[in-house]
Amino acid sequence: MSQETTRVIEELSEVELEIALKEVFPEYRSLLPPRALPQVRTPLRSHSLNNINDDPDSTPRQRKIYTPRPIPAIPGFTISSILSVSHLEELADLVVEEQSRKEEKRRRRRIRDGTATQKDLQSQSQFRSQSSTMTSESLSGVKTQSGWRLSNDEKRARKERLVKWVIRGLSEEGVLVQIRMKVDEKISTSQTRIKRCIEAYLPLPEPLVLPLLIPHLSAEIHHRSQIYIPRTDPRYGHGILLEEVFKRLRGCGEDGRWERVGEYCVEDALQFGEGKGLRRVGRGWVIA
């Protein structure tokens, strides 16, 4: 996920990236300064915009109309999109099947030892009923399955729970955030498409985090310019410290998406930004 996110970000210009970030993270719409819109060029105005001293009686020439390139969105990742990657789905299959085998062994051991739970006994009853059906089917030439094997629906549900578990762990480690992503949804009764918001997730590689830290650095620089910093202050003689940026980022927005972001994600992004808009000063950073 990180590689795909990095690839998309690196393909965007600075202006495109800023617009895309505002779309993904609404809390940054008020933090990032608005950019002036370029003057609109129309077929009727383009000649006068280019040459204001041209002869007004001259014959108008056809001008090429430039259509702005649509700005690609930063892709969010859903549970379905993750499982649509063949090698990830294959890995999930292996994990789910192995877990199913182990569960069946533990269930049989508990029944054998007389420590079975009510759920174990219900599963045994269901298995006997299924085995009876499978036996009659096998006599008719239908291939049977082992008791631990899951149906397609059961396997899909378990794979989705597995992905959710992995995502939850990564979120607690602070290496990804949850977002709301707009998707096109076709109405079955017509050709109409509507926009629907779904939950998705974004990893936090350095090229994504760095531009999000710039407004926090700017705000802290402005704050420092309004106060007196004595020599005994840990900030004296240093740029904006990691803990200052980290604190501002964690408190950003009302959705709480940044509350668990990892400090090392912020530090890696600041180090990545050295020479790319940031400059190291002592133990901190300033905008170059």
Protein backbone atom coordinates (compact mmCIF):
# COMPACT_ATOMS: atom_id res chain seq x y z
CA MET A 1 0.00 0.00 0.00
CA SER A 2 2.78 2.42 0.88
CA GLN A 3 4.49 1.92 -2.48
CA GLU A 4 1.27 2.57 -4.42
CA THR A 5 0.48 5.67 -2.36
CA THR A 6 4.02 6.99 -2.83
CA ARG A 7 3.86 6.38 -6.59
CA VAL A 8 0.62 8.34 -6.98
CA ILE A 9 1.89 11.24 -4.85
CA GLU A 10 5.15 11.50 -6.81
CA GLU A 11 3.17 11.77 -10.06
CA LEU A 12 1.28 14.85 -8.82
CA SER A 13 2.47 18.41 -9.12
CA GLU A 14 2.64 20.57 -6.00
CA VAL A 15 -0.70 22.22 -6.77
CA GLU A 16 -2.38 18.91 -7.60
CA LEU A 17 -1.09 17.32 -4.42
CA GLU A 18 -2.40 20.18 -2.31
CA ILE A 19 -5.88 19.87 -3.83
CA ALA A 20 -5.85 16.09 -3.43
CA LEU A 21 -4.83 16.37 0.23
CA LYS A 22 -7.64 18.82 0.93
CA GLU A 23 -10.07 16.34 -0.59
CA VAL A 24 -8.80 13.39 1.47
CA PHE A 25 -8.25 15.30 4.73
CA PRO A 26 -10.98 17.93 5.22
CA GLU A 27 -9.26 19.24 8.37
CA TYR A 28 -6.47 20.65 6.20
CA ARG A 29 -8.73 22.83 4.08
CA SER A 30 -8.53 25.56 6.69
CA LEU A 31 -4.83 25.03 7.42
CA LEU A 32 -3.40 25.10 3.91
CA PRO A 33 -3.45 28.60 2.38
CA PRO A 34 -5.77 29.06 -0.61
CA ARG A 35 -4.09 29.42 -3.96
CA ALA A 36 -5.02 32.09 -6.46
CA LEU A 37 -6.98 30.68 -9.38
CA PRO A 38 -5.40 31.23 -12.81
CA GLN A 39 -7.17 33.60 -15.18
CA VAL A 40 -9.67 31.67 -17.26
CA ARG A 41 -8.92 31.67 -20.97
CA THR A 42 -11.86 31.31 -23.34
CA PRO A 43 -11.85 31.20 -27.15
CA LEU A 44 -13.22 34.76 -27.25
CA ARG A 45 -10.79 36.19 -24.69
CA SER A 46 -7.58 34.33 -25.47
CA HIS A 47 -6.52 36.70 -28.26
CA SER A 48 -6.87 39.83 -26.14
CA LEU A 49 -5.18 38.18 -23.17
CA ASN A 50 -2.12 37.28 -25.21
CA ASN A 51 -1.74 40.45 -27.26
CA ILE A 52 -3.46 43.51 -25.83
CA ASN A 53 -1.89 45.81 -28.45
CA ASP A 54 -2.99 43.82 -31.51
CA ASP A 55 -5.09 45.47 -34.21
CA PRO A 56 -8.76 45.04 -33.19
CA ASP A 57 -9.71 44.87 -36.88
CA SER A 58 -7.41 41.96 -37.62
CA THR A 59 -8.89 38.60 -38.57
CA PRO A 60 -9.39 36.38 -35.51
CA ARG A 61 -7.31 33.21 -35.53
CA GLN A 62 -8.44 29.90 -34.15
CA ARG A 63 -6.94 29.13 -30.79
CA LYS A 64 -6.38 25.75 -29.25
CA ILE A 65 -8.57 25.17 -26.23
CA TYR A 66 -6.71 23.49 -23.39
CA THR A 67 -8.72 21.12 -21.28
CA PRO A 68 -7.36 20.89 -17.74
CA ARG A 69 -6.10 17.45 -16.75
CA PRO A 70 -8.31 15.83 -14.12
CA ILE A 71 -6.54 15.62 -10.81
CA PRO A 72 -6.12 12.00 -9.74
CA ALA A 73 -7.24 11.15 -6.25
CA ILE A 74 -4.93 9.66 -3.66
CA PRO A 75 -6.14 6.05 -3.56
CA GLY A 76 -7.59 4.74 -0.34
CA PHE A 77 -7.55 1.03 0.36
CA THR A 78 -10.65 -0.93 1.34
CA ILE A 79 -10.93 -4.49 2.61
CA SER A 80 -12.28 -5.56 -0.78
CA SER A 81 -9.47 -3.87 -2.71
CA ILE A 82 -6.85 -5.48 -0.48
CA LEU A 83 -8.34 -8.93 -1.02
CA SER A 84 -8.54 -8.28 -4.76
CA VAL A 85 -4.72 -8.45 -4.91
CA SER A 86 -4.04 -12.04 -5.90
CA HIS A 87 -1.03 -12.77 -3.68
CA LEU A 88 -2.68 -11.14 -0.65
CA GLU A 89 -5.86 -13.14 -1.16
CA GLU A 90 -3.82 -16.33 -1.53
CA LEU A 91 -1.99 -15.56 1.71
CA ALA A 92 -5.30 -14.88 3.49
CA ASP A 93 -6.63 -18.20 2.16
CA LEU A 94 -3.69 -20.08 3.64
CA VAL A 95 -4.03 -18.36 7.02
CA VAL A 96 -7.79 -18.93 7.23
CA GLU A 97 -7.56 -22.59 6.22
CA GLU A 98 -4.77 -23.30 8.69
CA GLN A 99 -6.74 -21.62 11.46
CA SER A 100 -9.80 -23.69 10.55
CA ARG A 101 -7.77 -26.91 10.79
CA LYS A 102 -6.46 -25.96 14.23
CA GLU A 103 -9.92 -25.03 15.49
CA GLU A 104 -11.32 -28.38 14.38
CA LYS A 105 -8.47 -30.26 16.12
CA ARG A 106 -9.03 -28.34 19.36
CA ARG A 107 -12.79 -28.96 19.17
CA ARG A 108 -12.35 -32.70 18.72
CA ARG A 109 -9.82 -32.82 21.58
CA ARG A 110 -12.25 -31.08 23.93
CA ILE A 111 -15.04 -33.51 22.98
CA ARG A 112 -12.70 -36.46 23.53
CA ASP A 113 -11.56 -35.13 26.92
CA GLY A 114 -15.07 -34.34 28.09
CA THR A 115 -14.47 -30.59 28.28
CA ALA A 116 -16.57 -29.65 25.27
CA THR A 117 -18.53 -26.42 25.34
CA GLN A 118 -22.12 -26.06 24.19
CA LYS A 119 -20.80 -24.54 20.98
CA ASP A 120 -18.57 -27.59 20.43
CA LEU A 121 -21.55 -29.92 20.83
CA GLN A 122 -23.67 -27.85 18.48
CA SER A 123 -20.86 -27.90 15.91
CA GLN A 124 -20.61 -31.70 16.32
CA SER A 125 -24.33 -32.10 15.74
CA GLN A 126 -24.17 -29.92 12.64
CA PHE A 127 -21.14 -31.81 11.39
CA ARG A 128 -22.90 -35.17 11.80
CA SER A 129 -25.88 -33.84 9.87
CA GLN A 130 -23.59 -32.57 7.11
CA SER A 131 -21.62 -35.83 7.11
CA SER A 132 -24.82 -37.81 6.63
CA THR A 133 -25.73 -35.64 3.66
CA MET A 134 -22.20 -35.86 2.24
CA THR A 135 -22.20 -39.65 2.61
CA SER A 136 -25.34 -39.99 0.54
CA GLU A 137 -23.88 -37.58 -1.99
CA SER A 138 -20.60 -39.51 -2.16
CA LEU A 139 -22.54 -42.66 -2.99
CA SER A 140 -23.98 -40.73 -5.92
CA GLY A 141 -20.50 -39.76 -7.11
CA VAL A 142 -20.40 -36.24 -5.55
CA LYS A 143 -17.00 -35.25 -4.12
CA THR A 144 -17.08 -34.64 -0.33
CA GLN A 145 -15.02 -32.25 1.78
CA SER A 146 -13.26 -32.62 5.10
CA GLY A 147 -15.10 -31.36 8.19
CA TRP A 148 -12.72 -28.48 8.77
CA ARG A 149 -13.22 -26.97 5.34
CA LEU A 150 -15.25 -23.79 5.07
CA SER A 151 -17.85 -22.77 2.55
CA ASN A 152 -17.01 -19.92 0.19
CA ASP A 153 -19.15 -17.51 2.23
CA GLU A 154 -17.55 -18.60 5.52
CA LYS A 155 -14.08 -18.30 4.05
CA ARG A 156 -14.78 -14.84 2.66
CA ALA A 157 -16.12 -13.64 6.03
CA ARG A 158 -13.04 -14.97 7.82
CA LYS A 159 -10.68 -13.37 5.32
CA GLU A 160 -12.39 -10.03 5.82
CA ARG A 161 -12.09 -10.38 9.60
CA LEU A 162 -8.41 -11.21 9.16
CA VAL A 163 -7.81 -8.05 7.11
CA LYS A 164 -9.71 -5.98 9.68
CA TRP A 165 -7.53 -7.44 12.43
CA VAL A 166 -4.35 -6.54 10.53
CA ILE A 167 -5.63 -3.03 9.83
CA ARG A 168 -6.54 -2.54 13.48
CA GLY A 169 -3.01 -3.54 14.51
CA LEU A 170 -1.42 -1.18 12.00
CA SER A 171 -3.71 1.63 13.14
CA GLU A 172 -2.71 1.10 16.77
CA GLU A 173 0.94 1.22 15.70
CA GLY A 174 0.24 4.58 14.04
CA VAL A 175 1.27 3.70 10.49
CA LEU A 176 -2.07 4.23 8.73
CA VAL A 177 -5.18 6.38 9.10
CA GLN A 178 -8.82 5.95 8.26
CA ILE A 179 -10.43 8.16 5.62
CA ARG A 180 -13.76 8.55 3.84
CA MET A 181 -13.45 7.82 0.13
CA LYS A 182 -15.95 8.73 -2.57
CA VAL A 183 -16.81 5.98 -5.05
CA ASP A 184 -19.14 5.79 -8.03
CA GLU A 185 -22.12 3.54 -7.50
CA LYS A 186 -24.42 2.56 -10.35
CA ILE A 187 -28.14 2.46 -9.62
CA SER A 188 -29.42 -0.91 -10.81
CA THR A 189 -32.66 0.45 -12.26
CA SER A 190 -30.93 2.97 -14.53
CA GLN A 191 -27.61 4.12 -15.91
CA THR A 192 -27.37 6.85 -13.28
CA ARG A 193 -24.26 6.88 -11.11
CA ILE A 194 -24.11 8.44 -7.67
CA LYS A 195 -21.24 9.28 -5.35
CA ARG A 196 -21.14 7.30 -2.14
CA CYS A 197 -18.68 7.60 0.75
CA ILE A 198 -17.12 4.44 2.13
CA GLU A 199 -14.51 3.76 4.79
CA ALA A 200 -10.97 3.31 3.51
CA TYR A 201 -7.44 3.41 4.82
CA LEU A 202 -4.24 5.19 3.87
CA PRO A 203 -0.67 4.27 4.86
CA LEU A 204 1.64 7.06 5.98
CA PRO A 205 4.77 7.09 3.79
CA GLU A 206 7.04 10.13 4.04
CA PRO A 207 5.88 11.82 0.78
CA LEU A 208 2.31 11.83 2.13
CA VAL A 209 3.10 13.00 5.67
CA LEU A 210 5.62 15.71 4.76
CA PRO A 211 3.22 18.19 3.06
CA LEU A 212 0.76 17.67 5.90
CA LEU A 213 3.38 18.81 8.41
CA ILE A 214 4.18 22.08 6.63
CA PRO A 215 1.18 24.05 8.00
CA HIS A 216 2.00 22.84 11.52
CA LEU A 217 5.60 23.97 11.12
CA SER A 218 4.40 27.35 9.81
CA ALA A 219 1.98 27.74 12.72
CA GLU A 220 4.68 26.94 15.27
CA ILE A 221 7.16 29.30 13.60
CA HIS A 222 4.54 32.07 13.75
CA HIS A 223 3.83 31.25 17.41
CA ARG A 224 7.52 31.50 18.27
CA SER A 225 7.77 34.89 16.58
CA GLN A 226 5.16 36.21 19.02
CA ILE A 227 6.88 35.09 22.22
CA TYR A 228 10.20 35.49 23.99
CA ILE A 229 12.31 32.31 24.24
CA PRO A 230 14.94 32.51 26.99
CA ARG A 231 18.28 30.75 26.76
CA THR A 232 17.14 28.17 29.31
CA ASP A 233 14.24 27.09 27.06
CA PRO A 234 14.92 23.78 25.21
CA ARG A 235 13.70 25.48 22.02
CA TYR A 236 16.36 28.19 22.13
CA GLY A 237 18.75 28.00 19.15
CA HIS A 238 16.84 25.16 17.51
CA GLY A 239 14.28 24.87 14.77
CA ILE A 240 10.80 23.52 15.43
CA LEU A 241 11.29 20.39 17.52
CA LEU A 242 9.83 16.98 16.69
CA GLU A 243 7.63 16.97 19.79
CA GLU A 244 6.13 20.34 18.84
CA VAL A 245 5.13 19.17 15.35
CA PHE A 246 3.96 15.82 16.69
CA LYS A 247 1.72 17.46 19.29
CA ARG A 248 0.11 19.73 16.72
CA LEU A 249 -0.52 16.88 14.29
CA ARG A 250 -2.09 14.64 16.92
CA GLY A 251 -4.50 17.39 17.93
CA CYS A 252 -5.50 18.21 14.36
CA GLY A 253 -9.12 17.81 13.24
CA GLU A 254 -12.23 16.50 14.95
CA ASP A 255 -12.28 12.97 13.49
CA GLY A 256 -9.45 11.79 15.73
CA ARG A 257 -7.63 10.18 12.79
CA TRP A 258 -4.26 11.52 13.93
CA GLU A 259 -4.51 10.63 17.62
CA ARG A 260 -2.51 7.42 17.21
CA VAL A 261 -0.08 8.46 14.49
CA GLY A 262 3.40 7.19 15.28
CA GLU A 263 6.08 9.66 16.32
CA TYR A 264 8.57 7.86 14.08
CA CYS A 265 6.28 8.51 11.07
CA VAL A 266 6.54 12.23 11.77
CA GLU A 267 10.30 12.09 12.37
CA ASP A 268 10.91 10.11 9.18
CA ALA A 269 8.85 12.63 7.19
CA LEU A 270 10.78 15.59 8.63
CA GLN A 271 14.10 13.94 7.81
CA PHE A 272 12.78 13.12 4.34
CA GLY A 273 11.94 16.80 3.90
CA GLU A 274 15.50 18.02 4.45
CA GLY A 275 16.47 19.56 1.12
CA LYS A 276 12.84 19.30 -0.09
CA GLY A 277 11.53 22.45 1.55
CA LEU A 278 12.88 21.92 5.05
CA ARG A 279 16.22 22.77 6.64
CA ARG A 280 17.72 21.32 9.81
CA VAL A 281 18.58 23.83 12.53
CA GLY A 282 20.01 22.27 15.65
CA ARG A 283 17.64 19.58 16.85
CA GLY A 284 14.71 20.99 14.88
CA TRP A 285 13.55 22.03 11.43
CA VAL A 286 12.54 25.24 9.68
CA ILE A 287 10.96 25.92 6.31
CA ALA A 288 13.74 26.73 3.87
